[in-house]
C-alpha atoms as a PDB file:
ATOM      1  CA  MET A   1      -8.831 -13.739  25.541  1.00  0.00           C
ATOM      2  CA  THR A   2      -6.218 -12.048  23.351  1.00  0.00           C
ATOM      3  CA  VAL A   3      -8.174 -12.694  20.138  1.00  0.00           C
ATOM      4  CA  PRO A   4     -11.363 -10.832  21.207  1.00  0.00           C
ATOM      5  CA  ALA A   5      -9.268  -8.019  22.702  1.00  0.00           C
ATOM      6  CA  GLY A   6      -7.232  -7.724  19.502  1.00  0.00           C
ATOM      7  CA  MET A   7     -10.405  -7.747  17.419  1.00  0.00           C
ATOM      8  CA  ALA A   8     -11.858  -4.951  19.561  1.00  0.00           C
ATOM      9  CA  ALA A   9      -8.711  -2.843  19.158  1.00  0.00           C
ATOM     10  CA  LEU A  10      -8.706  -3.427  15.392  1.00  0.00           C
ATOM     11  CA  PHE A  11     -12.414  -2.526  15.264  1.00  0.00           C
ATOM     12  CA  ILE A  12     -11.663   0.789  16.998  1.00  0.00           C
ATOM     13  CA  CYS A  13      -8.871   1.452  14.500  1.00  0.00           C
ATOM     14  CA  SER A  14     -11.107   0.648  11.536  1.00  0.00           C
ATOM     15  CA  LEU A  15     -13.856   2.954  12.757  1.00  0.00           C
ATOM     16  CA  THR A  16     -11.477   5.881  13.165  1.00  0.00           C
ATOM     17  CA  VAL A  17      -9.507   5.513   9.897  1.00  0.00           C
ATOM     18  CA  PRO A  18     -11.664   8.079   8.028  1.00  0.00           C
ATOM     19  CA  HIS A  19     -10.968  10.624  10.785  1.00  0.00           C
ATOM     20  CA  ALA A  20      -7.415   9.578  11.712  1.00  0.00           C
ATOM     21  CA  VAL A  21      -5.907  12.775  10.277  1.00  0.00           C
ATOM     22  CA  ASP A  22      -8.610  15.008  11.699  1.00  0.00           C
ATOM     23  CA  ASP A  23     -10.175  14.708  15.137  1.00  0.00           C
ATOM     24  CA  GLY A  24      -9.878  10.928  15.536  1.00  0.00           C
ATOM     25  CA  GLY A  25      -6.089  10.723  15.597  1.00  0.00           C
ATOM     26  CA  ILE A  26      -5.814  10.115  19.320  1.00  0.00           C
ATOM     27  CA  VAL A  27      -8.408   7.335  19.265  1.00  0.00           C
ATOM     28  CA  PHE A  28      -6.760   5.739  16.221  1.00  0.00           C
ATOM     29  CA  GLY A  29      -3.328   5.924  17.871  1.00  0.00           C
ATOM     30  CA  ALA A  30      -4.622   4.451  21.122  1.00  0.00           C
ATOM     31  CA  GLY A  31      -6.328   1.630  19.246  1.00  0.00           C
ATOM     32  CA  TYR A  32      -3.182   0.903  17.245  1.00  0.00           C
ATOM     33  CA  LEU A  33      -1.031   0.932  20.388  1.00  0.00           C
ATOM     34  CA  ALA A  34      -3.481  -1.433  22.103  1.00  0.00           C
ATOM     35  CA  LEU A  35      -3.509  -3.722  19.059  1.00  0.00           C
ATOM     36  CA  THR A  36       0.298  -3.825  19.003  1.00  0.00           C
ATOM     37  CA  ALA A  37       0.503  -4.592  22.722  1.00  0.00           C
ATOM     38  CA  ILE A  38      -2.195  -7.278  22.542  1.00  0.00           C
ATOM     39  CA  HIS A  39      -0.479  -8.863  19.539  1.00  0.00           C
ATOM     40  CA  ALA A  40       2.823  -8.958  21.440  1.00  0.00           C
ATOM     41  CA  VAL A  41       1.204 -10.524  24.500  1.00  0.00           C
ATOM     42  CA  GLY A  42      -0.612 -13.109  22.402  1.00  0.00           C
ATOM     43  CA  CYS A  43       2.553 -14.085  20.581  1.00  0.00           C
ATOM     44  CA  ARG A  44       4.498 -14.208  23.822  1.00  0.00           C
ATOM     45  CA  LEU A  45       1.958 -16.557  25.393  1.00  0.00           C
ATOM     46  CA  PHE A  46       0.858 -18.759  22.508  1.00  0.00           C
ATOM     47  CA  ALA A  47       3.451 -18.726  19.693  1.00  0.00           C
ATOM     48  CA  ASP A  48       6.240 -21.208  19.131  1.00  0.00           C
ATOM     49  CA  THR A  49       9.836 -20.246  19.904  1.00  0.00           C
ATOM     50  CA  ALA A  50      10.826 -19.080  16.407  1.00  0.00           C
ATOM     51  CA  SER A  51       7.688 -16.975  15.945  1.00  0.00           C
ATOM     52  CA  ARG A  52       8.021 -15.522  19.438  1.00  0.00           C
ATOM     53  CA  ARG A  53      11.624 -14.519  18.745  1.00  0.00           C
ATOM     54  CA  ALA A  54      10.661 -12.902  15.433  1.00  0.00           C
ATOM     55  CA  ILE A  55       7.795 -10.899  16.929  1.00  0.00           C
ATOM     56  CA  LEU A  56       9.868  -9.756  19.901  1.00  0.00           C
ATOM     57  CA  ARG A  57      12.608  -8.651  17.493  1.00  0.00           C
ATOM     58  CA  ILE A  58      10.265  -6.276  15.641  1.00  0.00           C
ATOM     59  CA  LEU A  59       8.277  -5.245  18.719  1.00  0.00           C
ATOM     60  CA  PRO A  60      10.345  -2.092  19.451  1.00  0.00           C
ATOM     61  CA  PHE A  61       9.704  -0.817  15.912  1.00  0.00           C
ATOM     62  CA  ASN A  62       5.973  -1.559  16.174  1.00  0.00           C
ATOM     63  CA  LEU A  63       5.695   0.145  19.563  1.00  0.00           C
ATOM     64  CA  GLY A  64       7.705   3.120  18.307  1.00  0.00           C
ATOM     65  CA  ALA A  65       5.425   3.477  15.288  1.00  0.00           C
ATOM     66  CA  ALA A  66       2.353   3.221  17.505  1.00  0.00           C
ATOM     67  CA  GLU A  67       3.717   5.892  19.843  1.00  0.00           C
ATOM     68  CA  LEU A  68       4.478   8.214  16.923  1.00  0.00           C
ATOM     69  CA  ILE A  69       0.981   7.716  15.515  1.00  0.00           C
ATOM     70  CA  LEU A  70      -0.431   8.501  18.952  1.00  0.00           C
ATOM     71  CA  ALA A  71       1.787  11.593  19.178  1.00  0.00           C
ATOM     72  CA  ALA A  72       0.564  12.680  15.744  1.00  0.00           C
ATOM     73  CA  GLY A  73      -2.979  12.651  17.112  1.00  0.00           C
ATOM     74  CA  TRP A  74      -2.009  15.280  19.684  1.00  0.00           C
ATOM     75  CA  THR A  75      -0.079  17.531  17.334  1.00  0.00           C
ATOM     76  CA  HIS A  76      -1.454  19.564  14.482  1.00  0.00           C
ATOM     77  CA  GLY A  77       1.427  21.367  12.773  1.00  0.00           C
ATOM     78  CA  ALA A  78       3.833  18.433  12.789  1.00  0.00           C
ATOM     79  CA  ARG A  79       1.295  15.753  11.890  1.00  0.00           C
ATOM     80  CA  ASP A  80       2.692  15.040   8.404  1.00  0.00           C
ATOM     81  CA  CYS A  81       6.255  14.781   9.693  1.00  0.00           C
ATOM     82  CA  VAL A  82       5.376  12.469  12.580  1.00  0.00           C
ATOM     83  CA  THR A  83       3.193  10.290  10.364  1.00  0.00           C
ATOM     84  CA  ALA A  84       5.948   9.993   7.751  1.00  0.00           C
ATOM     85  CA  LEU A  85       8.468   9.082  10.431  1.00  0.00           C
ATOM     86  CA  SER A  86       6.130   6.461  11.904  1.00  0.00           C
ATOM     87  CA  ASP A  87       5.599   4.960   8.444  1.00  0.00           C
ATOM     88  CA  ARG A  88       9.354   4.693   7.943  1.00  0.00           C
ATOM     89  CA  LEU A  89       9.863   3.292  11.433  1.00  0.00           C
ATOM     90  CA  ALA A  90       7.152   0.691  10.911  1.00  0.00           C
ATOM     91  CA  ALA A  91       8.763  -0.328   7.633  1.00  0.00           C
ATOM     92  CA  GLY A  92      12.172  -0.551   9.315  1.00  0.00           C
ATOM     93  CA  ARG A  93      13.771   1.824   6.827  1.00  0.00           C
ATOM     94  CA  ARG A  94      15.979   4.805   7.373  1.00  0.00           C
ATOM     95  CA  MET A  95      14.783   8.187   6.230  1.00  0.00           C
ATOM     96  CA  PRO A  96      16.879  11.285   5.638  1.00  0.00           C
ATOM     97  CA  ILE A  97      15.920  14.046   8.037  1.00  0.00           C
ATOM     98  CA  ALA A  98      15.273  17.382   6.341  1.00  0.00           C
ATOM     99  CA  VAL A  99      15.922  20.462   8.453  1.00  0.00           C
ATOM    100  CA  ALA A 100      13.592  23.420   7.965  1.00  0.00           C
ATOM    101  CA  GLY A 101      15.341  26.169   6.037  1.00  0.00           C
ATOM    102  CA  SER A 102      18.012  23.826   4.744  1.00  0.00           C
ATOM    103  CA  SER A 103      19.091  24.380   1.141  1.00  0.00           C
ATOM    104  CA  ARG A 104      20.224  20.785   0.576  1.00  0.00           C
END
C-alpha cells in the first residue's frame, strides 16, 4: 500500500511544481511531507537492515526540509530564505547565515 500512496503524493508534488513559489506552495509542501513520511514508513517496513538504518539516519534532514518547504508555502516575504535553507538542509550542508543589515 505504500507504493500507491507514495505515487499519489509524488503526483500531487508534480502537479504543483509550476505553482510551488506562487499559490501552490502549501499543497507542494504537504505533498512533499507526505512523500517523505510514506517513504520512511515503506523503508521501515520492507527494507533490509542496512537500507533501513541509512534511511532512518537521513530521515530527520528530509523531514526538516519538508517542514521548511511547507513553511515557505505559508510565508511570502521570507520564501527565498526558507527555500534556500531547506535546500541546504536537504543536501546536508552547512550554510552561513547572513543577518539583515550586516556589513560582512
